[in-house]
Amino acid sequence: MDHVHLYVKDLEEAVRFYKLVGLEFVEYTSHGGKAAMMRVPGSPVSFEMQETRVIDNPGLNHLAFLVDDLDDLCDSYMANGVKVDGPLDNKATGRRLATVRDPHGFLIQLVQKK
């Protein structure tokens, strides 16, 4: 697991709540707008919370998983009939990304660190 990306209605309220449930605040960011990064203590797993825009619904945006060989994994998914968006290089983060949807439509991001 790399991170969980949530859309929230009120960023400050979300930060206060997730501090109460045990996440540690890392920083405010401008990732796609007004956002904050929090982390599971003692873990590299982060929670990215982004305040909703007019077009966004509050809730889960995506789950992201670290992978070793993104190209190989994407080839395997496609060979098994899974539609893959990517891979692509994200210049802002220096990582390679691809996305797939699970059978219920949930967005899954695949992340390979360079």
Protein backbone atom coordinates (compact mmCIF):
# COMPACT_ATOMS: atom_id res chain seq x y z
CA MET A 1 0.00 0.00 0.00
CA ASP A 2 1.33 3.44 -0.90
CA HIS A 3 -1.52 5.82 -0.17
CA VAL A 4 -5.26 6.46 0.07
CA HIS A 5 -6.70 9.55 -1.65
CA LEU A 6 -9.88 11.03 -0.18
CA TYR A 7 -12.04 13.94 -1.32
CA VAL A 8 -13.37 15.83 1.71
CA LYS A 9 -15.91 18.65 2.07
CA ASP A 10 -13.89 20.59 4.68
CA LEU A 11 -10.14 20.04 4.78
CA GLU A 12 -9.55 21.48 8.26
CA GLU A 13 -12.36 19.40 9.74
CA ALA A 14 -10.93 16.28 8.06
CA VAL A 15 -7.42 16.96 9.38
CA ARG A 16 -8.77 17.40 12.93
CA PHE A 17 -10.80 14.18 12.67
CA TYR A 18 -8.00 12.02 11.27
CA LYS A 19 -5.63 13.32 13.96
CA LEU A 20 -8.17 12.07 16.53
CA VAL A 21 -8.20 8.59 14.97
CA GLY A 22 -4.41 8.43 15.08
CA LEU A 23 -2.98 9.75 11.82
CA GLU A 24 -0.13 12.22 12.02
CA PHE A 25 -0.22 15.46 10.04
CA VAL A 26 2.65 15.81 7.55
CA GLU A 27 1.98 18.93 5.47
CA TYR A 28 -0.47 20.99 3.48
CA THR A 29 -0.05 20.64 -0.27
CA SER A 30 -1.53 22.04 -3.45
CA HIS A 31 -2.06 18.57 -4.95
CA GLY A 32 -5.00 19.26 -7.27
CA GLY A 33 -6.11 22.20 -5.11
CA LYS A 34 -6.36 22.62 -1.34
CA ALA A 35 -4.96 19.40 0.17
CA ALA A 36 -3.20 17.86 3.16
CA MET A 37 -0.92 14.86 3.60
CA MET A 38 -1.23 12.67 6.69
CA ARG A 39 0.51 9.41 7.55
CA VAL A 40 -0.05 6.26 9.53
CA PRO A 41 2.50 6.60 12.38
CA GLY A 42 5.55 4.41 11.85
CA SER A 43 4.44 3.50 8.34
CA PRO A 44 5.10 4.82 4.84
CA VAL A 45 1.35 4.66 4.08
CA SER A 46 -0.10 8.14 3.59
CA PHE A 47 -3.58 9.60 3.40
CA GLU A 48 -3.95 12.38 0.86
CA MET A 49 -7.00 14.51 1.55
CA GLN A 50 -8.15 16.99 -1.04
CA GLU A 51 -10.96 19.46 -0.56
CA THR A 52 -13.77 18.83 -3.05
CA ARG A 53 -14.26 21.04 -6.04
CA VAL A 54 -17.61 21.53 -7.76
CA ILE A 55 -17.09 18.43 -9.94
CA ASP A 56 -15.92 16.13 -7.10
CA ASN A 57 -17.97 13.93 -4.82
CA PRO A 58 -16.72 13.53 -1.24
CA GLY A 59 -15.32 10.09 -0.52
CA LEU A 60 -12.70 7.70 -1.77
CA ASN A 61 -10.90 8.84 -4.90
CA HIS A 62 -8.45 5.94 -5.18
CA LEU A 63 -6.26 3.40 -3.42
CA ALA A 64 -2.62 3.30 -4.51
CA PHE A 65 -0.31 0.30 -4.38
CA LEU A 66 3.47 0.22 -4.82
CA VAL A 67 4.70 -2.16 -7.53
CA ASP A 68 8.18 -3.24 -8.60
CA ASP A 69 7.74 -3.46 -12.40
CA LEU A 70 4.84 -1.34 -13.63
CA ASP A 71 5.22 -2.18 -17.31
CA ASP A 72 5.27 -5.93 -16.69
CA LEU A 73 2.25 -5.74 -14.37
CA CYS A 74 0.28 -3.64 -16.87
CA ASP A 75 1.07 -6.13 -19.65
CA SER A 76 -0.16 -8.95 -17.41
CA TYR A 77 -3.38 -7.11 -16.56
CA MET A 78 -4.11 -6.35 -20.23
CA ALA A 79 -3.42 -9.98 -21.19
CA ASN A 80 -6.14 -10.90 -18.69
CA GLY A 81 -8.67 -8.44 -20.10
CA VAL A 82 -8.21 -5.63 -17.59
CA LYS A 83 -8.34 -2.12 -19.08
CA VAL A 84 -5.23 -0.17 -18.05
CA ASP A 85 -4.78 3.60 -18.24
CA GLY A 86 -1.04 4.22 -18.54
CA PRO A 87 1.67 3.72 -17.61
CA LEU A 88 2.88 7.31 -17.62
CA ASP A 89 5.61 9.31 -15.95
CA ASN A 90 4.43 11.82 -13.35
CA LYS A 91 7.01 14.60 -13.50
CA ALA A 92 5.64 16.26 -10.34
CA THR A 93 6.31 13.20 -8.17
CA GLY A 94 9.08 11.48 -10.14
CA ARG A 95 7.08 8.24 -10.20
CA ARG A 96 5.46 6.09 -12.88
CA LEU A 97 1.72 5.56 -12.61
CA ALA A 98 -1.05 3.51 -14.12
CA THR A 99 -4.67 3.06 -13.11
CA VAL A 100 -7.18 0.23 -13.32
CA ARG A 101 -10.68 -0.23 -11.95
CA ASP A 102 -11.75 -3.16 -9.82
CA PRO A 103 -14.88 -5.14 -10.81
CA HIS A 104 -17.04 -2.62 -8.89
CA GLY A 105 -15.53 0.47 -10.52
CA PHE A 106 -13.21 1.55 -7.71
CA LEU A 107 -10.10 3.29 -9.03
CA ILE A 108 -6.80 1.58 -8.20
CA GLN A 109 -3.54 3.40 -8.84
CA LEU A 110 -0.34 1.45 -9.42
CA VAL A 111 2.82 3.33 -8.42
CA GLN A 112 6.44 2.55 -9.28
CA LYS A 113 9.11 4.69 -7.68
CA LYS A 114 11.95 5.58 -10.02
